Amino acid sequence: MNNNGSDMSIWGHLGELRKRLFRAVIGLLITTMISFAFADKVIDYITLPIGGINQLQSIEVTENMSVFMRVSLLSGFILAFPFILYQLLSFIMPGLTKGERRWVKISIPLAGLLYIIGAAFAFYVMVPAAVPFLISFLWIPTTPRLANYISFVTNLIFWIGLCFEAPLLVFVLAKINIINAKGLAKQWRIAIVVISVMAAVISPTVDPINMGILMVPLIALYLISILFAVIAKRNK
């Protein structure tokens, strides 16, 4: 750790962490408020897989408002994600070497791009596969609730976006000598079990088709993560 980090007490570290978290929250609040301007358009767009917002219904007084806030918060999080990540990584940067800090800084814009790719996969692949199954289950006519539909769509986008960060996270951790490709490869059985559990939790339905659609990219991401760990060591 550099001089600034080594001279800082535990209370100093906690104060620094509090400062970084406060900035991250303020950034999220700002982007969420900005999202108010286009949240209604986002709601219209993410209801297209089910046939448009006219195919949904609200049954509670506060339902429309809660959906608007939920979509605004997710949109704000996506916009603020690079800034939030920077604030969190800035807390550990004083303990890294100059070269390690450079790799961490490079990873921040890439992390934002990967999150968007993961969110796009969730919306354009997972949602279209899940919606027909949910609507046609037992062949009973269904008019879904707006809050229910928006809830599972935003959950998918949020969690799968985070899952797509795995290769980049592994690359950075390998660069700073926390993990290595050999260790990841040896733990592939445990990884498959963890991925199966994650797929069961994240997937909007419990049928094997949708779980399989989610497991395939997660397994691919794990394999890509191992490759990234190898590349990190070779570059090093």
C-alpha atoms as a PDB file:
ATOM      1  CA  MET A   1       0.000   0.000   0.000  1.00  0.00           C
ATOM      2  CA  ASN A   2       1.243   3.482  -0.757  1.00  0.00           C
ATOM      3  CA  ASN A   3       2.078   6.046   1.884  1.00  0.00           C
ATOM      4  CA  ASN A   4      -1.422   7.512   1.998  1.00  0.00           C
ATOM      5  CA  GLY A   5      -2.957   4.084   2.493  1.00  0.00           C
ATOM      6  CA  SER A   6      -0.396   2.839   5.032  1.00  0.00           C
ATOM      7  CA  ASP A   7      -0.739   5.929   7.227  1.00  0.00           C
ATOM      8  CA  MET A   8      -4.545   5.733   7.351  1.00  0.00           C
ATOM      9  CA  SER A   9      -6.145   4.279  10.496  1.00  0.00           C
ATOM     10  CA  ILE A  10      -9.135   1.947  10.505  1.00  0.00           C
ATOM     11  CA  TRP A  11     -11.375   4.940  11.181  1.00  0.00           C
ATOM     12  CA  GLY A  12      -9.775   6.709   8.258  1.00  0.00           C
ATOM     13  CA  HIS A  13     -10.558   3.756   6.009  1.00  0.00           C
ATOM     14  CA  LEU A  14     -14.154   3.700   7.227  1.00  0.00           C
ATOM     15  CA  GLY A  15     -14.439   7.424   6.616  1.00  0.00           C
ATOM     16  CA  GLU A  16     -13.086   7.021   3.107  1.00  0.00           C
ATOM     17  CA  LEU A  17     -15.518   4.171   2.420  1.00  0.00           C
ATOM     18  CA  ARG A  18     -18.416   6.263   3.727  1.00  0.00           C
ATOM     19  CA  LYS A  19     -17.375   9.130   1.467  1.00  0.00           C
ATOM     20  CA  ARG A  20     -17.219   6.867  -1.594  1.00  0.00           C
ATOM     21  CA  LEU A  21     -20.593   5.285  -0.835  1.00  0.00           C
ATOM     22  CA  PHE A  22     -22.145   8.703  -0.302  1.00  0.00           C
ATOM     23  CA  ARG A  23     -20.877   9.894  -3.681  1.00  0.00           C
ATOM     24  CA  ALA A  24     -22.177   6.723  -5.335  1.00  0.00           C
ATOM     25  CA  VAL A  25     -25.634   7.241  -3.812  1.00  0.00           C
ATOM     26  CA  ILE A  26     -25.690  10.903  -4.862  1.00  0.00           C
ATOM     27  CA  GLY A  27     -24.720   9.890  -8.398  1.00  0.00           C
ATOM     28  CA  LEU A  28     -27.506   7.307  -8.450  1.00  0.00           C
ATOM     29  CA  LEU A  29     -30.038   9.869  -7.211  1.00  0.00           C
ATOM     30  CA  ILE A  30     -29.038  12.334  -9.930  1.00  0.00           C
ATOM     31  CA  THR A  31     -29.273   9.789 -12.765  1.00  0.00           C
ATOM     32  CA  THR A  32     -32.555   8.466 -11.375  1.00  0.00           C
ATOM     33  CA  MET A  33     -34.046  11.957 -11.430  1.00  0.00           C
ATOM     34  CA  ILE A  34     -32.775  12.395 -14.991  1.00  0.00           C
ATOM     35  CA  SER A  35     -34.507   9.119 -15.844  1.00  0.00           C
ATOM     36  CA  PHE A  36     -37.856  10.630 -14.838  1.00  0.00           C
ATOM     37  CA  ALA A  37     -37.833  12.495 -18.165  1.00  0.00           C
ATOM     38  CA  PHE A  38     -37.924   9.312 -20.265  1.00  0.00           C
ATOM     39  CA  ALA A  39     -39.178   6.585 -17.907  1.00  0.00           C
ATOM     40  CA  ASP A  40     -42.600   6.502 -19.583  1.00  0.00           C
ATOM     41  CA  LYS A  41     -40.956   5.806 -22.949  1.00  0.00           C
ATOM     42  CA  VAL A  42     -38.855   3.034 -21.375  1.00  0.00           C
ATOM     43  CA  ILE A  43     -42.019   1.460 -19.932  1.00  0.00           C
ATOM     44  CA  ASP A  44     -43.650   1.542 -23.357  1.00  0.00           C
ATOM     45  CA  TYR A  45     -40.593  -0.127 -24.878  1.00  0.00           C
ATOM     46  CA  ILE A  46     -40.103  -2.909 -22.335  1.00  0.00           C
ATOM     47  CA  THR A  47     -43.772  -3.883 -22.601  1.00  0.00           C
ATOM     48  CA  LEU A  48     -43.444  -4.591 -26.335  1.00  0.00           C
ATOM     49  CA  PRO A  49     -42.637  -8.314 -25.808  1.00  0.00           C
ATOM     50  CA  ILE A  50     -46.057  -8.774 -24.216  1.00  0.00           C
ATOM     51  CA  GLY A  51     -47.898  -6.815 -26.883  1.00  0.00           C
ATOM     52  CA  GLY A  52     -47.693  -3.318 -25.480  1.00  0.00           C
ATOM     53  CA  ILE A  53     -48.800  -1.623 -22.295  1.00  0.00           C
ATOM     54  CA  ASN A  54     -52.458  -1.990 -23.301  1.00  0.00           C
ATOM     55  CA  GLN A  55     -52.136  -5.736 -22.670  1.00  0.00           C
ATOM     56  CA  LEU A  56     -51.458  -5.101 -18.979  1.00  0.00           C
ATOM     57  CA  GLN A  57     -53.641  -3.961 -16.096  1.00  0.00           C
ATOM     58  CA  SER A  58     -53.196  -2.138 -12.803  1.00  0.00           C
ATOM     59  CA  ILE A  59     -55.314  -3.050  -9.787  1.00  0.00           C
ATOM     60  CA  GLU A  60     -53.789  -0.889  -7.064  1.00  0.00           C
ATOM     61  CA  VAL A  61     -53.898   2.861  -6.567  1.00  0.00           C
ATOM     62  CA  THR A  62     -50.120   3.198  -6.241  1.00  0.00           C
ATOM     63  CA  GLU A  63     -49.169   0.551  -8.817  1.00  0.00           C
ATOM     64  CA  ASN A  64     -48.521   2.895 -11.737  1.00  0.00           C
ATOM     65  CA  MET A  65     -46.382   5.176  -9.597  1.00  0.00           C
ATOM     66  CA  SER A  66     -44.351   2.278  -8.176  1.00  0.00           C
ATOM     67  CA  VAL A  67     -43.713   0.949 -11.692  1.00  0.00           C
ATOM     68  CA  PHE A  68     -42.602   4.400 -12.849  1.00  0.00           C
ATOM     69  CA  MET A  69     -40.181   4.671  -9.915  1.00  0.00           C
ATOM     70  CA  ARG A  70     -38.856   1.140 -10.415  1.00  0.00           C
ATOM     71  CA  VAL A  71     -38.087   1.749 -14.092  1.00  0.00           C
ATOM     72  CA  SER A  72     -36.548   5.132 -13.279  1.00  0.00           C
ATOM     73  CA  LEU A  73     -34.325   3.536 -10.648  1.00  0.00           C
ATOM     74  CA  LEU A  74     -33.128   0.798 -13.016  1.00  0.00           C
ATOM     75  CA  SER A  75     -32.483   3.347 -15.779  1.00  0.00           C
ATOM     76  CA  GLY A  76     -30.655   5.546 -13.288  1.00  0.00           C
ATOM     77  CA  PHE A  77     -28.555   2.613 -12.104  1.00  0.00           C
ATOM     78  CA  ILE A  78     -27.515   1.725 -15.659  1.00  0.00           C
ATOM     79  CA  LEU A  79     -26.545   5.346 -16.335  1.00  0.00           C
ATOM     80  CA  ALA A  80     -24.672   5.685 -13.046  1.00  0.00           C
ATOM     81  CA  PHE A  81     -23.043   2.240 -13.095  1.00  0.00           C
ATOM     82  CA  PRO A  82     -19.581   3.372 -14.310  1.00  0.00           C
ATOM     83  CA  PHE A  83     -19.539   6.181 -11.727  1.00  0.00           C
ATOM     84  CA  ILE A  84     -20.680   3.855  -8.920  1.00  0.00           C
ATOM     85  CA  LEU A  85     -18.040   1.309  -9.905  1.00  0.00           C
ATOM     86  CA  TYR A  86     -15.370   4.005  -9.972  1.00  0.00           C
ATOM     87  CA  GLN A  87     -16.253   5.137  -6.459  1.00  0.00           C
ATOM     88  CA  LEU A  88     -16.113   1.575  -5.113  1.00  0.00           C
ATOM     89  CA  LEU A  89     -12.830   0.784  -6.854  1.00  0.00           C
ATOM     90  CA  SER A  90     -11.316   4.084  -5.715  1.00  0.00           C
ATOM     91  CA  PHE A  91     -11.530   2.770  -2.166  1.00  0.00           C
ATOM     92  CA  ILE A  92      -9.081  -0.057  -2.920  1.00  0.00           C
ATOM     93  CA  MET A  93      -6.860   1.802  -5.400  1.00  0.00           C
ATOM     94  CA  PRO A  94      -4.458   3.210  -2.755  1.00  0.00           C
ATOM     95  CA  GLY A  95      -3.448  -0.381  -1.965  1.00  0.00           C
ATOM     96  CA  LEU A  96      -2.531  -1.181  -5.576  1.00  0.00           C
ATOM     97  CA  THR A  97       0.592  -0.542  -7.581  1.00  0.00           C
ATOM     98  CA  LYS A  98       0.644   2.051 -10.360  1.00  0.00           C
ATOM     99  CA  GLY A  99       0.249  -0.631 -13.039  1.00  0.00           C
ATOM    100  CA  GLU A 100      -2.630  -2.301 -11.194  1.00  0.00           C
ATOM    101  CA  ARG A 101      -4.426   1.029 -10.806  1.00  0.00           C
ATOM    102  CA  ARG A 102      -4.106   1.594 -14.544  1.00  0.00           C
ATOM    103  CA  TRP A 103      -5.849  -1.714 -15.287  1.00  0.00           C
ATOM    104  CA  VAL A 104      -8.610  -0.955 -12.802  1.00  0.00           C
ATOM    105  CA  LYS A 105      -9.272   2.430 -14.445  1.00  0.00           C
ATOM    106  CA  ILE A 106      -9.358   0.856 -17.921  1.00  0.00           C
ATOM    107  CA  SER A 107     -11.907  -1.688 -16.701  1.00  0.00           C
ATOM    108  CA  ILE A 108     -14.483   0.936 -15.636  1.00  0.00           C
ATOM    109  CA  PRO A 109     -15.807   1.960 -19.110  1.00  0.00           C
ATOM    110  CA  LEU A 110     -15.616  -1.675 -20.238  1.00  0.00           C
ATOM    111  CA  ALA A 111     -17.734  -2.653 -17.246  1.00  0.00           C
ATOM    112  CA  GLY A 112     -20.431  -0.225 -18.344  1.00  0.00           C
ATOM    113  CA  LEU A 113     -20.397  -1.705 -21.856  1.00  0.00           C
ATOM    114  CA  LEU A 114     -20.623  -5.268 -20.544  1.00  0.00           C
ATOM    115  CA  TYR A 115     -23.553  -4.347 -18.327  1.00  0.00           C
ATOM    116  CA  ILE A 116     -25.428  -2.938 -21.315  1.00  0.00           C
ATOM    117  CA  ILE A 117     -24.692  -6.112 -23.303  1.00  0.00           C
ATOM    118  CA  GLY A 118     -26.008  -8.243 -20.440  1.00  0.00           C
ATOM    119  CA  ALA A 119     -29.125  -6.106 -20.112  1.00  0.00           C
ATOM    120  CA  ALA A 120     -29.724  -6.396 -23.865  1.00  0.00           C
ATOM    121  CA  PHE A 121     -29.382 -10.188 -23.675  1.00  0.00           C
ATOM    122  CA  ALA A 122     -31.921 -10.303 -20.867  1.00  0.00           C
ATOM    123  CA  PHE A 123     -34.439  -8.170 -22.747  1.00  0.00           C
ATOM    124  CA  TYR A 124     -34.010  -9.463 -26.284  1.00  0.00           C
ATOM    125  CA  VAL A 125     -33.424 -13.161 -25.511  1.00  0.00           C
ATOM    126  CA  MET A 126     -34.708 -14.062 -22.052  1.00  0.00           C
ATOM    127  CA  VAL A 127     -37.915 -12.002 -21.958  1.00  0.00           C
ATOM    128  CA  PRO A 128     -39.239 -13.112 -25.381  1.00  0.00           C
ATOM    129  CA  ALA A 129     -38.607 -16.729 -24.361  1.00  0.00           C
ATOM    130  CA  ALA A 130     -40.300 -16.395 -20.964  1.00  0.00           C
ATOM    131  CA  VAL A 131     -43.363 -14.286 -21.819  1.00  0.00           C
ATOM    132  CA  PRO A 132     -45.110 -16.776 -24.170  1.00  0.00           C
ATOM    133  CA  PHE A 133     -44.607 -19.572 -21.637  1.00  0.00           C
ATOM    134  CA  LEU A 134     -46.063 -17.517 -18.807  1.00  0.00           C
ATOM    135  CA  ILE A 135     -49.030 -16.257 -20.794  1.00  0.00           C
ATOM    136  CA  SER A 136     -49.994 -19.600 -22.331  1.00  0.00           C
ATOM    137  CA  PHE A 137     -49.443 -21.792 -19.259  1.00  0.00           C
ATOM    138  CA  LEU A 138     -52.506 -24.060 -18.731  1.00  0.00           C
ATOM    139  CA  TRP A 139     -54.128 -22.316 -21.736  1.00  0.00           C
ATOM    140  CA  ILE A 140     -56.021 -19.976 -19.410  1.00  0.00           C
ATOM    141  CA  PRO A 141     -56.623 -16.423 -20.715  1.00  0.00           C
ATOM    142  CA  THR A 142     -54.327 -14.129 -18.786  1.00  0.00           C
ATOM    143  CA  THR A 143     -54.142 -10.367 -18.409  1.00  0.00           C
ATOM    144  CA  PRO A 144     -50.905  -9.781 -16.500  1.00  0.00           C
ATOM    145  CA  ARG A 145     -50.499  -7.026 -13.938  1.00  0.00           C
ATOM    146  CA  LEU A 146     -48.279  -4.136 -14.905  1.00  0.00           C
ATOM    147  CA  ALA A 147     -46.299  -4.341 -11.644  1.00  0.00           C
ATOM    148  CA  ASN A 148     -45.743  -8.091 -11.975  1.00  0.00           C
ATOM    149  CA  TYR A 149     -44.517  -7.888 -15.557  1.00  0.00           C
ATOM    150  CA  ILE A 150     -42.222  -4.908 -14.941  1.00  0.00           C
ATOM    151  CA  SER A 151     -40.870  -6.581 -11.800  1.00  0.00           C
ATOM    152  CA  PHE A 152     -39.569  -9.720 -13.463  1.00  0.00           C
ATOM    153  CA  VAL A 153     -38.297  -7.841 -16.538  1.00  0.00           C
ATOM    154  CA  THR A 154     -36.310  -5.384 -14.447  1.00  0.00           C
ATOM    155  CA  ASN A 155     -35.024  -8.199 -12.211  1.00  0.00           C
ATOM    156  CA  LEU A 156     -33.722 -10.059 -15.256  1.00  0.00           C
ATOM    157  CA  ILE A 157     -32.079  -6.961 -16.690  1.00  0.00           C
ATOM    158  CA  PHE A 158     -30.455  -6.049 -13.368  1.00  0.00           C
ATOM    159  CA  TRP A 159     -29.050  -9.469 -12.434  1.00  0.00           C
ATOM    160  CA  ILE A 160     -27.999 -10.659 -15.877  1.00  0.00           C
ATOM    161  CA  GLY A 161     -26.302  -7.320 -16.463  1.00  0.00           C
ATOM    162  CA  LEU A 162     -24.252  -7.962 -13.332  1.00  0.00           C
ATOM    163  CA  CYS A 163     -23.475 -11.536 -14.418  1.00  0.00           C
ATOM    164  CA  PHE A 164     -21.955 -10.227 -17.641  1.00  0.00           C
ATOM    165  CA  GLU A 165     -19.367  -8.401 -15.536  1.00  0.00           C
ATOM    166  CA  ALA A 166     -17.747 -11.720 -14.579  1.00  0.00           C
ATOM    167  CA  PRO A 167     -15.041 -11.929 -17.305  1.00  0.00           C
ATOM    168  CA  LEU A 168     -13.859  -8.386 -16.699  1.00  0.00           C
ATOM    169  CA  LEU A 169     -13.903  -8.854 -12.920  1.00  0.00           C
ATOM    170  CA  VAL A 170     -11.849 -12.042 -13.233  1.00  0.00           C
ATOM    171  CA  PHE A 171      -9.395 -10.291 -15.558  1.00  0.00           C
ATOM    172  CA  VAL A 172      -8.798  -7.474 -13.070  1.00  0.00           C
ATOM    173  CA  LEU A 173      -8.535  -9.860 -10.101  1.00  0.00           C
ATOM    174  CA  ALA A 174      -6.023 -11.979 -12.024  1.00  0.00           C
ATOM    175  CA  LYS A 175      -4.057  -8.853 -12.867  1.00  0.00           C
ATOM    176  CA  ILE A 176      -3.692  -7.969  -9.193  1.00  0.00           C
ATOM    177  CA  ASN A 177      -2.828 -11.585  -8.265  1.00  0.00           C
ATOM    178  CA  ILE A 178      -5.968 -12.431  -6.289  1.00  0.00           C
ATOM    179  CA  ILE A 179      -7.127 -15.350  -8.475  1.00  0.00           C
ATOM    180  CA  ASN A 180      -5.677 -17.414 -11.321  1.00  0.00           C
ATOM    181  CA  ALA A 181      -6.927 -19.440 -14.271  1.00  0.00           C
ATOM    182  CA  LYS A 182      -5.729 -22.763 -12.863  1.00  0.00           C
ATOM    183  CA  GLY A 183      -7.773 -22.349  -9.697  1.00  0.00           C
ATOM    184  CA  LEU A 184     -10.892 -21.398 -11.669  1.00  0.00           C
ATOM    185  CA  ALA A 185     -10.501 -24.395 -13.975  1.00  0.00           C
ATOM    186  CA  LYS A 186     -10.188 -26.810 -11.035  1.00  0.00           C
ATOM    187  CA  GLN A 187     -13.418 -25.524  -9.498  1.00  0.00           C
ATOM    188  CA  TRP A 188     -15.577 -26.036 -12.617  1.00  0.00           C
ATOM    189  CA  ARG A 189     -17.876 -28.542 -10.852  1.00  0.00           C
ATOM    190  CA  ILE A 190     -18.629 -26.074  -8.079  1.00  0.00           C
ATOM    191  CA  ALA A 191     -19.124 -23.361 -10.704  1.00  0.00           C
ATOM    192  CA  ILE A 192     -21.746 -25.472 -12.513  1.00  0.00           C
ATOM    193  CA  VAL A 193     -23.664 -25.979  -9.264  1.00  0.00           C
ATOM    194  CA  VAL A 194     -23.510 -22.258  -8.440  1.00  0.00           C
ATOM    195  CA  ILE A 195     -24.625 -21.354 -11.968  1.00  0.00           C
ATOM    196  CA  SER A 196     -27.551 -23.780 -11.717  1.00  0.00           C
ATOM    197  CA  VAL A 197     -28.684 -22.190  -8.459  1.00  0.00           C
ATOM    198  CA  MET A 198     -28.296 -18.694  -9.928  1.00  0.00           C
ATOM    199  CA  ALA A 199     -30.303 -19.698 -13.002  1.00  0.00           C
ATOM    200  CA  ALA A 200     -33.086 -21.077 -10.811  1.00  0.00           C
ATOM    201  CA  VAL A 201     -33.202 -17.885  -8.734  1.00  0.00           C
ATOM    202  CA  ILE A 202     -32.903 -15.354 -11.566  1.00  0.00           C
ATOM    203  CA  SER A 203     -35.047 -17.115 -14.163  1.00  0.00           C
ATOM    204  CA  PRO A 204     -38.632 -15.805 -14.229  1.00  0.00           C
ATOM    205  CA  THR A 205     -39.974 -19.348 -14.624  1.00  0.00           C
ATOM    206  CA  VAL A 206     -38.883 -22.690 -13.199  1.00  0.00           C
ATOM    207  CA  ASP A 207     -39.182 -24.643 -16.451  1.00  0.00           C
ATOM    208  CA  PRO A 208     -35.942 -26.206 -17.780  1.00  0.00           C
ATOM    209  CA  ILE A 209     -36.160 -24.329 -21.082  1.00  0.00           C
ATOM    210  CA  ASN A 210     -35.786 -20.878 -19.560  1.00  0.00           C
ATOM    211  CA  MET A 211     -33.256 -22.120 -17.020  1.00  0.00           C
ATOM    212  CA  GLY A 212     -31.248 -23.619 -19.870  1.00  0.00           C
ATOM    213  CA  ILE A 213     -31.398 -20.377 -21.847  1.00  0.00           C
ATOM    214  CA  LEU A 214     -29.903 -18.623 -18.847  1.00  0.00           C
ATOM    215  CA  MET A 215     -27.373 -21.336 -17.911  1.00  0.00           C
ATOM    216  CA  VAL A 216     -25.775 -21.503 -21.355  1.00  0.00           C
ATOM    217  CA  PRO A 217     -24.516 -17.883 -21.365  1.00  0.00           C
ATOM    218  CA  LEU A 218     -23.528 -18.092 -17.690  1.00  0.00           C
ATOM    219  CA  ILE A 219     -21.406 -21.179 -18.362  1.00  0.00           C
ATOM    220  CA  ALA A 220     -19.954 -19.468 -21.418  1.00  0.00           C
ATOM    221  CA  LEU A 221     -19.139 -16.433 -19.266  1.00  0.00           C
ATOM    222  CA  TYR A 222     -17.351 -18.697 -16.777  1.00  0.00           C
ATOM    223  CA  LEU A 223     -15.233 -20.224 -19.542  1.00  0.00           C
ATOM    224  CA  ILE A 224     -14.501 -16.785 -20.974  1.00  0.00           C
ATOM    225  CA  SER A 225     -13.501 -15.670 -17.469  1.00  0.00           C
ATOM    226  CA  ILE A 226     -10.914 -18.455 -17.313  1.00  0.00           C
ATOM    227  CA  LEU A 227      -9.569 -17.327 -20.685  1.00  0.00           C
ATOM    228  CA  PHE A 228      -9.387 -13.744 -19.449  1.00  0.00           C
ATOM    229  CA  ALA A 229      -7.439 -14.899 -16.399  1.00  0.00           C
ATOM    230  CA  VAL A 230      -4.942 -16.636 -18.711  1.00  0.00           C
ATOM    231  CA  ILE A 231      -4.614 -13.490 -20.853  1.00  0.00           C
ATOM    232  CA  ALA A 232      -4.090 -11.359 -17.760  1.00  0.00           C
ATOM    233  CA  LYS A 233      -1.158 -13.464 -16.638  1.00  0.00           C
ATOM    234  CA  ARG A 234       0.399 -13.609 -20.098  1.00  0.00           C
ATOM    235  CA  ASN A 235       0.171  -9.852 -20.518  1.00  0.00           C
ATOM    236  CA  LYS A 236       1.621  -9.424 -17.045  1.00  0.00           C
END
